[in-house]
Structures are given as C-alpha cells and as structure tokens.
Amino acid sequence: MYRLFALATALAIATAGCAFPQQGSETPDQIGGTYYVNGTDARGVEYGGRLTISRADNRADYELQWIITGSIQTGTGTFGRGILDATWRTAEGFAPLSGTARYELQDDGSLIGERFEDGRDVPGYEEAFPVLE
C-alpha cells in the first residue's frame, strides 16, 4: 500500500508543472459546425442567417458558407491561435461582392469579428453562435 501511495505522490509531483490542454485550447476541428449569425455589413445593413464551417479537402483550411438575409456567400479560411481568417464572395446569381473576415474564438464557442467588403473602408461586424443540437 505504501508503494502505491508513494508512486501516486511521485506522479502528482512530476506532473504538477506539465502543461495539459485546457478547456478552450485549440484542436484541429474546434470551429467546425453550424452557427447562427447576426451582423451588420459595411453599408450598415443588418442581417441574420446561418454559417457552416467545415474542413476543406486539403485538411489545412476550412470551407465556409453563409446563408444570410438576401445572399449566399462562400469562402475559405485558416484557423490558428484562436483567430479565423477568411476570404469570401457571393455565390453565383447574387450581386457580386467579396472581401475578407477575421473572427476571434470566444470561450463560449462563438466567433466574433469584422467582415471587410472589397472597395469599402468601413468594416462590418458579425457574431456567430454555435447551433446546439
């Protein structure tokens, strides 16, 4: 019994300074999924809808699709250090718009950030909240 206690104590002391993944630390598919979206575009127009984020075929990037008020948009992005950087464009059949976006992953799993539209100096703002199933 003493040997088991001594082993457990030694293990606890040895691992006390080790870094273990914390809740909220990044994993490769941490942002994949469906989100409810609320935002204001660069022209000040409010919108809502859904954002779907999935791994791209090359497994390094993400594919994004927004189905929002008055538009469907697609894009690609990279995720690292809690930041999702993306490029986007409207789907065929909609007014041709494109731009970039930068979101910060929040502790609650939401994404909050700015969306820039090519040709406009003022960014829009977007919040994306995970759909809980």
N, C-alpha and C. Protein backbone atom coordinates (compact mmCIF):
# COMPACT_ATOMS: atom_id res chain seq x y z
N MET A 1 0.81 -1.18 0.00
CA MET A 1 0.00 0.00 0.00
C MET A 1 0.86 1.25 0.00
N TYR A 2 1.94 1.22 0.81
CA TYR A 2 2.84 2.36 0.88
C TYR A 2 3.46 2.65 -0.48
N ARG A 3 3.83 1.59 -1.23
CA ARG A 3 4.45 1.77 -2.55
C ARG A 3 3.47 2.45 -3.52
N LEU A 4 2.20 2.06 -3.46
CA LEU A 4 1.19 2.67 -4.33
C LEU A 4 1.02 4.15 -3.98
N PHE A 5 0.97 4.47 -2.68
CA PHE A 5 0.85 5.86 -2.25
C PHE A 5 2.07 6.67 -2.69
N ALA A 6 3.26 6.09 -2.52
CA ALA A 6 4.49 6.78 -2.91
C ALA A 6 4.52 7.00 -4.42
N LEU A 7 4.08 6.03 -5.21
CA LEU A 7 4.05 6.16 -6.67
C LEU A 7 3.05 7.25 -7.08
N ALA A 8 1.88 7.27 -6.48
CA ALA A 8 0.87 8.28 -6.80
C ALA A 8 1.38 9.67 -6.43
N THR A 9 2.05 9.80 -5.28
CA THR A 9 2.59 11.09 -4.86
C THR A 9 3.68 11.55 -5.81
N ALA A 10 4.57 10.65 -6.19
CA ALA A 10 5.64 11.00 -7.12
C ALA A 10 5.08 11.42 -8.48
N LEU A 11 4.07 10.72 -8.95
CA LEU A 11 3.43 11.06 -10.21
C LEU A 11 2.78 12.43 -10.15
N ALA A 12 2.11 12.73 -9.04
CA ALA A 12 1.47 14.03 -8.87
C ALA A 12 2.51 15.15 -8.86
N ILE A 13 3.62 14.94 -8.19
CA ILE A 13 4.68 15.95 -8.14
C ILE A 13 5.32 16.11 -9.52
N ALA A 14 5.56 15.03 -10.22
CA ALA A 14 6.22 15.08 -11.52
C ALA A 14 5.36 15.77 -12.58
N THR A 15 4.05 15.63 -12.47
CA THR A 15 3.19 16.22 -13.49
C THR A 15 2.66 17.58 -13.11
N ALA A 16 2.97 18.05 -11.92
CA ALA A 16 2.42 19.33 -11.46
C ALA A 16 2.83 20.49 -12.36
N GLY A 17 4.02 20.48 -12.92
CA GLY A 17 4.47 21.57 -13.77
C GLY A 17 4.22 21.35 -15.24
N CYS A 18 3.62 20.23 -15.62
CA CYS A 18 3.38 19.93 -17.03
C CYS A 18 2.18 20.71 -17.56
N ALA A 19 2.24 21.03 -18.84
CA ALA A 19 1.13 21.73 -19.48
C ALA A 19 0.19 20.72 -20.10
N PHE A 20 -1.02 20.69 -19.64
CA PHE A 20 -2.06 19.85 -20.21
C PHE A 20 -3.02 20.73 -20.97
N PRO A 21 -3.68 20.21 -22.01
CA PRO A 21 -4.66 21.03 -22.73
C PRO A 21 -5.73 21.53 -21.78
N GLN A 22 -6.05 22.79 -21.88
CA GLN A 22 -7.08 23.40 -21.05
C GLN A 22 -8.37 23.48 -21.85
N GLN A 23 -9.48 23.63 -21.16
CA GLN A 23 -10.75 23.83 -21.84
C GLN A 23 -10.62 25.08 -22.69
N GLY A 24 -11.02 25.00 -23.95
CA GLY A 24 -10.89 26.13 -24.84
C GLY A 24 -9.60 26.14 -25.64
N SER A 25 -8.68 25.20 -25.37
CA SER A 25 -7.47 25.17 -26.17
C SER A 25 -7.79 24.64 -27.56
N GLU A 26 -6.96 25.00 -28.53
CA GLU A 26 -7.27 24.67 -29.92
C GLU A 26 -7.09 23.19 -30.22
N THR A 27 -8.00 22.67 -30.99
CA THR A 27 -7.89 21.36 -31.59
C THR A 27 -8.22 21.54 -33.05
N PRO A 28 -7.78 20.63 -33.93
CA PRO A 28 -7.95 20.85 -35.36
C PRO A 28 -9.37 21.15 -35.82
N ASP A 29 -10.39 20.53 -35.26
CA ASP A 29 -11.76 20.75 -35.72
C ASP A 29 -12.59 21.55 -34.71
N GLN A 30 -11.92 22.38 -33.95
CA GLN A 30 -12.59 23.11 -32.88
C GLN A 30 -13.68 24.04 -33.38
N ILE A 31 -13.56 24.58 -34.59
CA ILE A 31 -14.54 25.55 -35.06
C ILE A 31 -15.51 24.98 -36.07
N GLY A 32 -15.34 23.73 -36.48
CA GLY A 32 -16.25 23.14 -37.45
C GLY A 32 -17.65 23.01 -36.90
N GLY A 33 -18.66 23.29 -37.75
CA GLY A 33 -20.03 23.16 -37.32
C GLY A 33 -20.93 24.22 -37.93
N THR A 34 -22.14 24.32 -37.39
CA THR A 34 -23.13 25.27 -37.87
C THR A 34 -23.34 26.34 -36.81
N TYR A 35 -23.49 27.58 -37.27
CA TYR A 35 -23.64 28.73 -36.39
C TYR A 35 -24.84 29.57 -36.82
N TYR A 36 -25.50 30.19 -35.84
CA TYR A 36 -26.46 31.26 -36.12
C TYR A 36 -25.65 32.54 -36.24
N VAL A 37 -25.99 33.37 -37.22
CA VAL A 37 -25.21 34.58 -37.49
C VAL A 37 -26.09 35.82 -37.36
N ASN A 38 -25.54 36.84 -36.75
CA ASN A 38 -26.11 38.18 -36.71
C ASN A 38 -25.00 39.14 -37.10
N GLY A 39 -25.32 40.09 -37.96
CA GLY A 39 -24.28 41.02 -38.34
C GLY A 39 -24.82 42.30 -38.94
N THR A 40 -23.89 43.20 -39.18
CA THR A 40 -24.14 44.45 -39.88
C THR A 40 -23.06 44.57 -40.93
N ASP A 41 -23.46 44.71 -42.20
CA ASP A 41 -22.45 44.76 -43.26
C ASP A 41 -21.79 46.14 -43.33
N ALA A 42 -20.85 46.30 -44.25
CA ALA A 42 -20.07 47.53 -44.38
C ALA A 42 -20.92 48.74 -44.75
N ARG A 43 -22.13 48.51 -45.25
CA ARG A 43 -23.05 49.61 -45.59
C ARG A 43 -24.01 49.93 -44.46
N GLY A 44 -23.91 49.19 -43.35
CA GLY A 44 -24.79 49.43 -42.20
C GLY A 44 -26.08 48.64 -42.22
N VAL A 45 -26.20 47.68 -43.15
CA VAL A 45 -27.41 46.86 -43.27
C VAL A 45 -27.29 45.64 -42.34
N GLU A 46 -28.30 45.46 -41.47
CA GLU A 46 -28.31 44.32 -40.56
C GLU A 46 -28.78 43.06 -41.29
N TYR A 47 -28.25 41.92 -40.88
CA TYR A 47 -28.64 40.65 -41.48
C TYR A 47 -28.56 39.54 -40.45
N GLY A 48 -29.14 38.42 -40.77
CA GLY A 48 -29.10 37.23 -39.93
C GLY A 48 -29.10 36.00 -40.81
N GLY A 49 -28.77 34.86 -40.25
CA GLY A 49 -28.78 33.62 -41.01
C GLY A 49 -27.95 32.55 -40.35
N ARG A 50 -27.34 31.73 -41.22
CA ARG A 50 -26.53 30.61 -40.75
C ARG A 50 -25.17 30.60 -41.43
N LEU A 51 -24.19 30.16 -40.69
CA LEU A 51 -22.84 29.96 -41.20
C LEU A 51 -22.45 28.52 -40.93
N THR A 52 -21.98 27.84 -41.97
CA THR A 52 -21.48 26.47 -41.80
C THR A 52 -19.98 26.48 -42.07
N ILE A 53 -19.23 25.89 -41.16
CA ILE A 53 -17.78 25.80 -41.29
C ILE A 53 -17.40 24.32 -41.29
N SER A 54 -16.66 23.90 -42.32
CA SER A 54 -16.22 22.51 -42.41
C SER A 54 -14.79 22.46 -42.93
N ARG A 55 -14.14 21.34 -42.68
CA ARG A 55 -12.77 21.17 -43.15
C ARG A 55 -12.74 21.07 -44.67
N ALA A 56 -11.81 21.74 -45.28
CA ALA A 56 -11.61 21.64 -46.73
C ALA A 56 -10.93 20.32 -47.05
N ASP A 57 -10.94 19.95 -48.32
CA ASP A 57 -10.34 18.68 -48.73
C ASP A 57 -8.87 18.58 -48.37
N ASN A 58 -8.17 19.70 -48.38
CA ASN A 58 -6.73 19.64 -48.07
C ASN A 58 -6.46 19.55 -46.57
N ARG A 59 -7.50 19.61 -45.75
CA ARG A 59 -7.45 19.43 -44.30
C ARG A 59 -6.68 20.53 -43.57
N ALA A 60 -6.10 21.50 -44.28
CA ALA A 60 -5.41 22.60 -43.61
C ALA A 60 -6.33 23.82 -43.51
N ASP A 61 -7.24 23.95 -44.45
CA ASP A 61 -8.14 25.10 -44.50
C ASP A 61 -9.56 24.69 -44.14
N TYR A 62 -10.39 25.70 -43.96
CA TYR A 62 -11.81 25.49 -43.72
C TYR A 62 -12.61 26.05 -44.89
N GLU A 63 -13.74 25.43 -45.17
CA GLU A 63 -14.70 25.97 -46.14
C GLU A 63 -15.84 26.58 -45.34
N LEU A 64 -16.29 27.75 -45.77
CA LEU A 64 -17.35 28.47 -45.08
C LEU A 64 -18.48 28.76 -46.05
N GLN A 65 -19.71 28.68 -45.54
CA GLN A 65 -20.88 29.05 -46.34
C GLN A 65 -21.86 29.80 -45.44
N TRP A 66 -22.18 31.03 -45.87
CA TRP A 66 -23.17 31.85 -45.18
C TRP A 66 -24.45 31.81 -45.99
N ILE A 67 -25.55 31.50 -45.36
CA ILE A 67 -26.89 31.68 -45.95
C ILE A 67 -27.53 32.74 -45.07
N ILE A 68 -27.55 33.96 -45.60
CA ILE A 68 -27.99 35.09 -44.81
C ILE A 68 -29.07 35.86 -45.56
N THR A 69 -29.66 36.82 -44.89
CA THR A 69 -30.71 37.64 -45.48
C THR A 69 -30.24 38.21 -46.82
N GLY A 70 -30.90 37.79 -47.90
CA GLY A 70 -30.62 38.36 -49.22
C GLY A 70 -29.37 37.87 -49.92
N SER A 71 -28.68 36.86 -49.40
CA SER A 71 -27.44 36.45 -50.05
C SER A 71 -27.00 35.05 -49.61
N ILE A 72 -26.22 34.44 -50.45
CA ILE A 72 -25.47 33.22 -50.11
C ILE A 72 -24.02 33.54 -50.43
N GLN A 73 -23.14 33.25 -49.48
CA GLN A 73 -21.72 33.56 -49.66
C GLN A 73 -20.90 32.33 -49.32
N THR A 74 -19.79 32.19 -50.01
CA THR A 74 -18.88 31.08 -49.76
C THR A 74 -17.49 31.63 -49.53
N GLY A 75 -16.67 30.85 -48.84
CA GLY A 75 -15.31 31.30 -48.59
C GLY A 75 -14.43 30.20 -48.08
N THR A 76 -13.18 30.55 -47.86
CA THR A 76 -12.21 29.64 -47.26
C THR A 76 -11.49 30.38 -46.15
N GLY A 77 -10.99 29.63 -45.18
CA GLY A 77 -10.31 30.27 -44.07
C GLY A 77 -9.27 29.38 -43.43
N THR A 78 -8.43 30.00 -42.62
CA THR A 78 -7.44 29.30 -41.82
C THR A 78 -7.68 29.66 -40.37
N PHE A 79 -7.36 28.73 -39.48
CA PHE A 79 -7.60 28.93 -38.06
C PHE A 79 -6.33 28.64 -37.27
N GLY A 80 -5.95 29.56 -36.42
CA GLY A 80 -4.79 29.36 -35.55
C GLY A 80 -4.76 30.41 -34.45
N ARG A 81 -4.30 30.00 -33.27
CA ARG A 81 -4.18 30.91 -32.12
C ARG A 81 -5.50 31.62 -31.80
N GLY A 82 -6.60 30.90 -32.02
CA GLY A 82 -7.91 31.44 -31.68
C GLY A 82 -8.48 32.42 -32.69
N ILE A 83 -7.85 32.56 -33.85
CA ILE A 83 -8.29 33.50 -34.87
C ILE A 83 -8.63 32.75 -36.15
N LEU A 84 -9.80 33.05 -36.71
CA LEU A 84 -10.20 32.53 -38.02
C LEU A 84 -10.09 33.67 -39.02
N ASP A 85 -9.21 33.53 -40.00
CA ASP A 85 -9.07 34.48 -41.10
C ASP A 85 -9.69 33.85 -42.33
N ALA A 86 -10.53 34.62 -43.03
CA ALA A 86 -11.26 34.05 -44.18
C ALA A 86 -11.35 35.06 -45.32
N THR A 87 -11.50 34.52 -46.51
CA THR A 87 -11.90 35.31 -47.68
C THR A 87 -13.28 34.81 -48.07
N TRP A 88 -14.10 35.68 -48.67
CA TRP A 88 -15.46 35.29 -49.02
C TRP A 88 -15.89 35.99 -50.30
N ARG A 89 -16.93 35.45 -50.92
CA ARG A 89 -17.55 36.04 -52.11
C ARG A 89 -18.99 35.57 -52.19
N THR A 90 -19.84 36.36 -52.85
CA THR A 90 -21.22 35.93 -53.02
C THR A 90 -21.29 34.80 -54.03
N ALA A 91 -22.28 33.96 -53.87
CA ALA A 91 -22.50 32.85 -54.80
C ALA A 91 -23.05 33.40 -56.12
N GLU A 92 -22.93 32.60 -57.15
CA GLU A 92 -23.44 32.98 -58.47
C GLU A 92 -24.93 33.27 -58.37
N GLY A 93 -25.37 34.32 -59.07
CA GLY A 93 -26.77 34.69 -59.06
C GLY A 93 -27.08 35.82 -58.09
N PHE A 94 -26.12 36.22 -57.27
CA PHE A 94 -26.29 37.33 -56.33
C PHE A 94 -25.38 38.47 -56.76
N ALA A 95 -25.67 39.68 -56.27
CA ALA A 95 -24.81 40.83 -56.57
C ALA A 95 -23.38 40.47 -56.22
N PRO A 96 -22.45 40.69 -57.17
CA PRO A 96 -21.06 40.27 -56.93
C PRO A 96 -20.36 41.09 -55.85
N LEU A 97 -20.14 40.48 -54.71
CA LEU A 97 -19.42 41.10 -53.60
C LEU A 97 -18.35 40.12 -53.12
N SER A 98 -17.30 40.66 -52.55
CA SER A 98 -16.24 39.81 -51.99
C SER A 98 -15.52 40.58 -50.90
N GLY A 99 -14.71 39.87 -50.13
CA GLY A 99 -13.97 40.53 -49.08
C GLY A 99 -13.23 39.55 -48.19
N THR A 100 -12.90 40.01 -47.00
CA THR A 100 -12.19 39.22 -46.02
C THR A 100 -12.90 39.32 -44.68
N ALA A 101 -12.55 38.44 -43.78
CA ALA A 101 -13.14 38.47 -42.43
C ALA A 101 -12.09 37.98 -41.44
N ARG A 102 -12.21 38.45 -40.23
CA ARG A 102 -11.34 37.99 -39.14
C ARG A 102 -12.19 37.86 -37.89
N TYR A 103 -12.24 36.63 -37.35
CA TYR A 103 -13.04 36.33 -36.17
C TYR A 103 -12.14 35.85 -35.05
N GLU A 104 -12.54 36.15 -33.83
CA GLU A 104 -11.85 35.64 -32.65
C GLU A 104 -12.77 34.63 -31.97
N LEU A 105 -12.23 33.45 -31.70
CA LEU A 105 -12.99 32.41 -31.00
C LEU A 105 -13.14 32.80 -29.54
N GLN A 106 -14.38 32.81 -29.05
CA GLN A 106 -14.67 33.15 -27.67
C GLN A 106 -14.72 31.89 -26.80
N ASP A 107 -14.63 32.07 -25.49
CA ASP A 107 -14.66 30.94 -24.57
C ASP A 107 -15.94 30.11 -24.69
N ASP A 108 -17.05 30.74 -25.08
CA ASP A 108 -18.31 30.02 -25.19
C ASP A 108 -18.48 29.34 -26.56
N GLY A 109 -17.45 29.40 -27.42
CA GLY A 109 -17.52 28.76 -28.73
C GLY A 109 -18.02 29.65 -29.84
N SER A 110 -18.44 30.86 -29.51
CA SER A 110 -18.90 31.79 -30.55
C SER A 110 -17.70 32.42 -31.26
N LEU A 111 -17.97 32.96 -32.43
CA LEU A 111 -16.97 33.67 -33.22
C LEU A 111 -17.45 35.11 -33.36
N ILE A 112 -16.59 36.06 -33.04
CA ILE A 112 -16.95 37.47 -33.14
C ILE A 112 -15.85 38.19 -33.91
N GLY A 113 -16.26 39.00 -34.89
CA GLY A 113 -15.24 39.70 -35.63
C GLY A 113 -15.76 40.68 -36.65
N GLU A 114 -14.84 41.10 -37.50
CA GLU A 114 -15.13 42.08 -38.53
C GLU A 114 -15.11 41.42 -39.90
N ARG A 115 -15.99 41.92 -40.77
CA ARG A 115 -16.03 41.48 -42.18
C ARG A 115 -15.80 42.70 -43.04
N PHE A 116 -14.83 42.60 -43.92
CA PHE A 116 -14.49 43.69 -44.82
C PHE A 116 -15.01 43.37 -46.21
N GLU A 117 -15.59 44.36 -46.84
CA GLU A 117 -16.09 44.22 -48.20
C GLU A 117 -15.11 44.96 -49.11
N ASP A 118 -14.64 44.30 -50.16
CA ASP A 118 -13.73 44.93 -51.10
C ASP A 118 -14.32 46.25 -51.60
N GLY A 119 -13.52 47.31 -51.59
CA GLY A 119 -13.96 48.61 -52.06
C GLY A 119 -14.59 49.50 -51.00
N ARG A 120 -14.71 49.00 -49.77
CA ARG A 120 -15.28 49.79 -48.68
C ARG A 120 -14.24 49.94 -47.57
N ASP A 121 -14.17 51.14 -47.00
CA ASP A 121 -13.19 51.40 -45.95
C ASP A 121 -13.65 50.99 -44.56
N VAL A 122 -14.95 50.95 -44.34
CA VAL A 122 -15.50 50.65 -43.02
C VAL A 122 -15.88 49.17 -42.97
N PRO A 123 -15.42 48.45 -41.93
CA PRO A 123 -15.79 47.04 -41.84
C PRO A 123 -17.20 46.84 -41.32
N GLY A 124 -17.75 45.67 -41.58
CA GLY A 124 -18.97 45.23 -40.94
C GLY A 124 -18.60 44.45 -39.69
N TYR A 125 -19.60 44.04 -38.96
CA TYR A 125 -19.39 43.32 -37.70
C TYR A 125 -20.27 42.08 -37.72
N GLU A 126 -19.74 40.96 -37.23
CA GLU A 126 -20.52 39.73 -37.25
C GLU A 126 -20.28 38.93 -35.99
N GLU A 127 -21.36 38.31 -35.50
CA GLU A 127 -21.30 37.37 -34.39
C GLU A 127 -21.88 36.05 -34.88
N ALA A 128 -21.21 34.95 -34.57
CA ALA A 128 -21.68 33.62 -34.96
C ALA A 128 -21.73 32.75 -33.71
N PHE A 129 -22.91 32.21 -33.42
CA PHE A 129 -23.13 31.41 -32.22
C PHE A 129 -23.39 29.96 -32.60
N PRO A 130 -22.67 29.00 -32.01
CA PRO A 130 -22.85 27.59 -32.39
C PRO A 130 -24.29 27.14 -32.20
N VAL A 131 -24.78 26.37 -33.17
CA VAL A 131 -26.10 25.75 -33.06
C VAL A 131 -25.93 24.52 -32.17
N LEU A 132 -26.61 24.50 -31.06
CA LEU A 132 -26.53 23.37 -30.13
C LEU A 132 -27.59 22.36 -30.51
N GLU A 133 -27.15 21.14 -30.79
CA GLU A 133 -28.09 20.10 -31.23
C GLU A 133 -28.33 19.08 -30.18
